[in-house]
């Protein structure tokens, strides 16, 4: 199976006052399963992971409802306020749905870059572990020190870094990002997504600019812990679905395609369970 491990759906009526703003015309509209379906078929993608894009449980319920109605959605990454007093109960409720696979706080939008390292999250994280959920880390380079502390404190929690931690490709910065990512990659419970890099490239949206970052991720995490995702429809700000897939396939040696574009996502998100089989 070929898996797109990171895509979004949304309805603009649910996003008033939220990103994306109207000036991002390419993505300032509704995106639903019928919009993505033709790309999946054309590219031979068998299933996807649908990822939250609003910090609300209503958004998570919306995604789980879509997953109930569309078999290609193999798993959902939802949201819970992990510091809320009743967080553990909310985790348990959502995890009762067999397609809820992971949770993702929107760390990139939280002013406190050390938010994730706060031990007050521990009750919610314990509930996640008990529910056999994973953790998606939506971070930027400034969050990596705290994420490393968090990952080290929870070695039994599977963690995946979304979008390679959004390196500053547009300005060509790489050394400090690489060093911080190397510390995370040294932790066996941490994986990384090969996704979202083009939208961090500014005007440098060619394979030559992206390749050093993609190859760094492959080197650090190896072909066993790197997972491909489209980040569609956000991807539309920089490229077409087919173009990003082809570029990614060129970055990864063919002998590793099966893992990076399929089996790693299946294993990480536990997609081979009975409830996800057609």
Protein backbone atom coordinates (compact mmCIF):
# COMPACT_ATOMS: atom_id res chain seq x y z
CA UNK A 1 0.00 0.00 0.00
CA UNK A 2 1.04 3.57 -0.71
CA UNK A 3 0.02 5.98 2.04
CA UNK A 4 -0.24 9.76 2.18
CA UNK A 5 0.43 10.22 5.88
CA UNK A 6 -0.51 13.90 6.11
CA UNK A 7 -3.47 15.66 4.51
CA UNK A 8 -6.30 17.95 5.59
CA UNK A 9 -9.98 18.60 4.90
CA UNK A 10 -11.89 21.68 5.99
CA UNK A 11 -15.02 23.74 5.52
CA UNK A 12 -14.54 27.50 5.57
CA UNK A 13 -17.76 28.02 7.54
CA UNK A 14 -16.04 26.29 10.46
CA UNK A 15 -12.93 28.47 10.24
CA UNK A 16 -14.15 32.04 10.67
CA UNK A 17 -11.28 34.10 12.04
CA UNK A 18 -8.91 31.17 11.59
CA UNK A 19 -6.17 30.39 9.08
CA UNK A 20 -6.08 30.46 6.06
CA UNK A 21 -6.69 34.16 5.37
CA UNK A 22 -8.47 35.31 2.21
CA UNK A 23 -5.24 36.45 0.57
CA UNK A 24 -4.15 32.79 0.34
CA UNK A 25 -6.64 32.32 -2.47
CA UNK A 26 -5.36 28.88 -3.50
CA UNK A 27 -6.51 27.36 -0.21
CA UNK A 28 -9.19 29.78 1.00
CA UNK A 29 -12.09 27.49 0.15
CA UNK A 30 -13.64 24.19 1.16
CA UNK A 31 -11.56 21.04 0.66
CA UNK A 32 -13.34 17.72 1.00
CA UNK A 33 -12.76 14.08 -0.01
CA UNK A 34 -14.11 14.52 -3.52
CA UNK A 35 -11.43 17.15 -4.13
CA UNK A 36 -8.54 14.88 -3.14
CA UNK A 37 -9.84 11.65 -4.66
CA UNK A 38 -8.65 12.27 -8.24
CA UNK A 39 -5.08 12.94 -7.07
CA UNK A 40 -5.00 9.77 -4.99
CA UNK A 41 -6.20 7.73 -7.94
CA UNK A 42 -3.78 9.34 -10.40
CA UNK A 43 -0.82 8.84 -8.08
CA UNK A 44 -1.67 5.33 -6.91
CA UNK A 45 -2.21 6.33 -3.27
CA UNK A 46 -4.25 3.69 -1.43
CA UNK A 47 -5.08 5.56 1.77
CA UNK A 48 -4.41 8.64 3.86
CA UNK A 49 -3.96 9.99 7.35
CA UNK A 50 -6.32 12.94 7.90
CA UNK A 51 -4.76 15.53 10.22
CA UNK A 52 -6.41 18.22 12.34
CA UNK A 53 -6.10 21.86 11.35
CA UNK A 54 -8.11 23.56 14.12
CA UNK A 55 -7.49 23.37 17.89
CA UNK A 56 -10.99 22.09 18.64
CA UNK A 57 -12.53 18.72 19.39
CA UNK A 58 -15.34 19.67 17.02
CA UNK A 59 -12.79 19.53 14.21
CA UNK A 60 -11.73 16.07 15.40
CA UNK A 61 -15.34 14.88 15.41
CA UNK A 62 -15.74 16.32 11.89
CA UNK A 63 -12.73 14.31 10.69
CA UNK A 64 -13.85 11.09 12.35
CA UNK A 65 -17.23 11.48 10.71
CA UNK A 66 -15.51 11.80 7.33
CA UNK A 67 -13.44 8.72 8.12
CA UNK A 68 -16.62 6.78 8.80
CA UNK A 69 -17.89 7.65 5.32
CA UNK A 70 -14.69 7.38 3.23
CA UNK A 71 -12.68 4.18 3.40
CA UNK A 72 -9.50 5.73 2.00
CA UNK A 73 -9.16 7.72 5.26
CA UNK A 74 -7.31 5.05 7.23
CA UNK A 75 -6.53 7.14 10.30
CA UNK A 76 -7.19 10.51 11.94
CA UNK A 77 -4.85 12.78 13.90
CA UNK A 78 -7.06 14.75 16.27
CA UNK A 79 -6.78 17.46 18.91
CA UNK A 80 -7.36 17.66 22.66
CA UNK A 81 -6.37 20.42 25.07
CA UNK A 82 -3.73 18.29 26.77
CA UNK A 83 -3.46 20.61 29.78
CA UNK A 84 -7.19 20.72 30.52
CA UNK A 85 -8.33 19.20 33.80
CA UNK A 86 -10.55 16.74 31.92
CA UNK A 87 -8.05 15.98 29.15
CA UNK A 88 -7.73 12.29 30.03
CA UNK A 89 -11.48 11.80 29.69
CA UNK A 90 -11.55 13.51 26.31
CA UNK A 91 -8.65 11.37 25.12
CA UNK A 92 -10.50 8.22 26.15
CA UNK A 93 -13.72 9.33 24.41
CA UNK A 94 -12.05 10.11 21.12
CA UNK A 95 -9.84 7.01 21.24
CA UNK A 96 -12.94 4.84 21.37
CA UNK A 97 -13.19 5.48 17.62
CA UNK A 98 -10.98 2.90 15.88
CA UNK A 99 -9.66 5.40 13.32
CA UNK A 100 -8.37 7.89 15.91
CA UNK A 101 -4.65 7.16 15.73
CA UNK A 102 -2.83 10.19 17.09
CA UNK A 103 -3.23 13.60 18.72
CA UNK A 104 -1.56 16.87 17.77
CA UNK A 105 -1.36 20.05 19.81
CA UNK A 106 -0.68 23.00 17.51
CA UNK A 107 2.67 23.81 19.09
CA UNK A 108 3.72 26.16 16.31
CA UNK A 109 0.92 28.55 17.32
CA UNK A 110 1.57 28.47 21.09
CA UNK A 111 3.69 31.47 22.21
CA UNK A 112 5.48 29.44 24.92
CA UNK A 113 8.11 27.44 23.02
CA UNK A 114 8.59 25.23 26.09
CA UNK A 115 4.88 24.34 26.40
CA UNK A 116 5.40 20.71 25.43
CA UNK A 117 8.05 20.14 28.11
CA UNK A 118 5.61 20.96 30.94
CA UNK A 119 5.03 17.92 33.23
CA UNK A 120 1.42 19.08 33.64
CA UNK A 121 0.77 17.29 30.34
CA UNK A 122 1.64 13.93 31.90
CA UNK A 123 -1.92 12.82 32.85
CA UNK A 124 -3.13 13.37 29.27
CA UNK A 125 -0.04 11.67 27.85
CA UNK A 126 -0.61 8.71 30.15
CA UNK A 127 -4.17 8.48 28.82
CA UNK A 128 -2.80 8.56 25.28
CA UNK A 129 -0.44 5.69 26.03
CA UNK A 130 -3.23 3.68 27.64
CA UNK A 131 -5.31 4.23 24.47
CA UNK A 132 -2.35 3.20 22.28
CA UNK A 133 -2.27 6.58 20.51
CA UNK A 134 0.65 8.31 18.83
CA UNK A 135 1.75 11.94 19.07
CA UNK A 136 2.17 14.28 16.08
CA UNK A 137 4.54 17.18 16.76
CA UNK A 138 3.68 20.31 14.77
CA UNK A 139 6.85 22.22 15.57
CA UNK A 140 9.33 24.71 14.22
CA UNK A 141 13.08 24.81 14.92
CA UNK A 142 12.65 26.88 18.09
CA UNK A 143 10.55 24.09 19.65
CA UNK A 144 13.03 21.27 19.16
CA UNK A 145 14.84 21.60 22.48
CA UNK A 146 11.60 21.26 24.44
CA UNK A 147 10.37 18.48 22.17
CA UNK A 148 13.58 16.56 22.84
CA UNK A 149 12.98 16.82 26.58
CA UNK A 150 9.38 15.68 26.12
CA UNK A 151 10.35 12.73 23.92
CA UNK A 152 13.03 11.67 26.39
CA UNK A 153 10.56 11.75 29.27
CA UNK A 154 8.11 9.54 27.34
CA UNK A 155 10.25 6.92 25.58
CA UNK A 156 7.22 4.63 25.19
CA UNK A 157 5.18 7.26 23.29
CA UNK A 158 5.51 7.03 19.47
CA UNK A 159 6.20 10.56 18.18
CA UNK A 160 6.37 11.84 14.63
CA UNK A 161 7.71 15.28 13.71
CA UNK A 162 5.50 16.90 11.10
CA UNK A 163 7.06 18.63 8.08
CA UNK A 164 10.64 18.03 9.20
CA UNK A 165 10.07 20.66 11.91
CA UNK A 166 9.66 23.32 9.20
CA UNK A 167 13.32 24.17 8.56
CA UNK A 168 14.06 27.68 7.35
CA UNK A 169 14.70 26.67 3.76
CA UNK A 170 13.87 30.11 2.37
CA UNK A 171 16.91 31.59 4.11
CA UNK A 172 19.14 28.55 3.64
CA UNK A 173 19.59 27.87 7.37
CA UNK A 174 20.46 24.23 7.98
CA UNK A 175 23.25 23.61 10.52
CA UNK A 176 21.44 24.43 13.79
CA UNK A 177 18.29 22.68 12.55
CA UNK A 178 20.28 19.60 11.63
CA UNK A 179 21.98 19.49 15.04
CA UNK A 180 18.68 19.74 16.89
CA UNK A 181 17.05 17.11 14.67
CA UNK A 182 20.00 14.78 15.21
CA UNK A 183 19.35 14.85 18.95
CA UNK A 184 15.72 13.89 18.33
CA UNK A 185 16.63 11.21 15.81
CA UNK A 186 18.84 9.59 18.44
CA UNK A 187 15.64 8.72 20.34
CA UNK A 188 14.18 5.50 18.95
CA UNK A 189 10.55 6.55 19.58
CA UNK A 190 10.83 9.60 17.31
CA UNK A 191 9.92 9.46 13.62
CA UNK A 192 9.70 12.24 11.03
CA UNK A 193 7.50 13.17 8.08
CA UNK A 194 8.90 14.04 4.70
CA UNK A 195 6.23 16.66 4.14
CA UNK A 196 5.64 20.39 4.11
CA UNK A 197 9.13 21.35 2.92
CA UNK A 198 8.09 23.15 -0.25
CA UNK A 199 5.92 25.64 1.61
CA UNK A 200 8.94 26.57 3.77
CA UNK A 201 11.09 27.30 0.72
CA UNK A 202 9.76 30.73 -0.20
CA UNK A 203 10.89 31.39 -3.75
CA UNK A 204 13.41 28.53 -3.58
CA UNK A 205 10.90 25.85 -4.60
CA UNK A 206 13.20 23.74 -6.72
CA UNK A 207 14.55 20.29 -5.99
CA UNK A 208 18.06 21.67 -5.52
CA UNK A 209 16.96 23.82 -2.59
CA UNK A 210 14.89 21.08 -0.95
CA UNK A 211 17.27 18.17 -1.45
CA UNK A 212 19.76 18.97 1.38
CA UNK A 213 16.91 19.02 3.90
CA UNK A 214 15.21 15.89 2.58
CA UNK A 215 18.49 13.99 2.46
CA UNK A 216 19.31 15.13 6.00
CA UNK A 217 16.00 13.70 7.23
CA UNK A 218 16.66 10.41 5.46
CA UNK A 219 20.18 10.26 6.87
CA UNK A 220 19.13 11.06 10.45
CA UNK A 221 15.96 8.98 10.72
CA UNK A 222 16.86 6.31 8.22
CA UNK A 223 14.44 4.65 5.82
CA UNK A 224 12.69 2.95 8.76
CA UNK A 225 11.50 6.15 10.50
CA UNK A 226 10.80 8.55 7.62
CA UNK A 227 7.16 8.84 6.50
CA UNK A 228 5.92 10.63 3.38
CA UNK A 229 3.00 13.04 3.41
CA UNK A 230 1.58 15.56 0.95
CA UNK A 231 0.32 18.24 3.34
CA UNK A 232 -2.47 18.78 0.79
CA UNK A 233 -4.20 21.21 0.35
CA UNK A 234 -1.61 23.48 2.00
CA UNK A 235 0.74 22.05 -0.62
CA UNK A 236 -1.24 24.01 -3.25
CA UNK A 237 0.58 27.16 -2.11
CA UNK A 238 3.79 25.76 -3.58
CA UNK A 239 3.18 22.85 -5.96
CA UNK A 240 0.82 20.28 -7.39
CA UNK A 241 0.25 16.95 -5.63
CA UNK A 242 1.93 14.98 -8.42
CA UNK A 243 4.97 17.27 -8.46
CA UNK A 244 5.68 16.94 -4.73
CA UNK A 245 5.27 13.18 -4.88
CA UNK A 246 7.65 12.91 -7.84
CA UNK A 247 10.18 15.19 -6.14
CA UNK A 248 10.01 13.14 -2.95
CA UNK A 249 10.44 9.90 -4.87
CA UNK A 250 13.58 11.36 -6.45
CA UNK A 251 15.00 12.22 -3.03
CA UNK A 252 14.51 8.69 -1.67
CA UNK A 253 16.45 5.78 -3.22
CA UNK A 254 14.06 3.36 -4.96
CA UNK A 255 14.98 0.53 -2.58
CA UNK A 256 13.43 2.55 0.26
CA UNK A 257 10.23 3.64 -1.51
CA UNK A 258 8.08 0.87 -0.09
CA UNK A 259 9.01 1.87 3.46
CA UNK A 260 8.92 5.66 3.19
CA UNK A 261 5.80 5.82 1.01
CA UNK A 262 3.83 3.07 2.72
CA UNK A 263 4.90 0.58 5.32
CA UNK A 264 6.38 3.08 7.79
CA UNK A 265 3.04 4.91 8.02
CA UNK A 266 1.19 1.61 8.35
CA UNK A 267 3.43 0.55 11.20
CA UNK A 268 3.60 3.91 13.00
CA UNK A 269 -0.13 4.60 12.89
CA UNK A 270 -1.01 0.90 13.36
CA UNK A 271 -3.05 0.80 10.18
CA UNK A 272 -2.78 -2.97 9.81
CA UNK A 273 -5.36 -3.61 12.50
CA UNK A 274 -8.56 -5.47 11.70
CA UNK A 275 -10.79 -2.41 11.83
CA UNK A 276 -8.90 -0.78 8.94
CA UNK A 277 -9.05 -3.73 6.58
CA UNK A 278 -11.50 -3.57 3.72
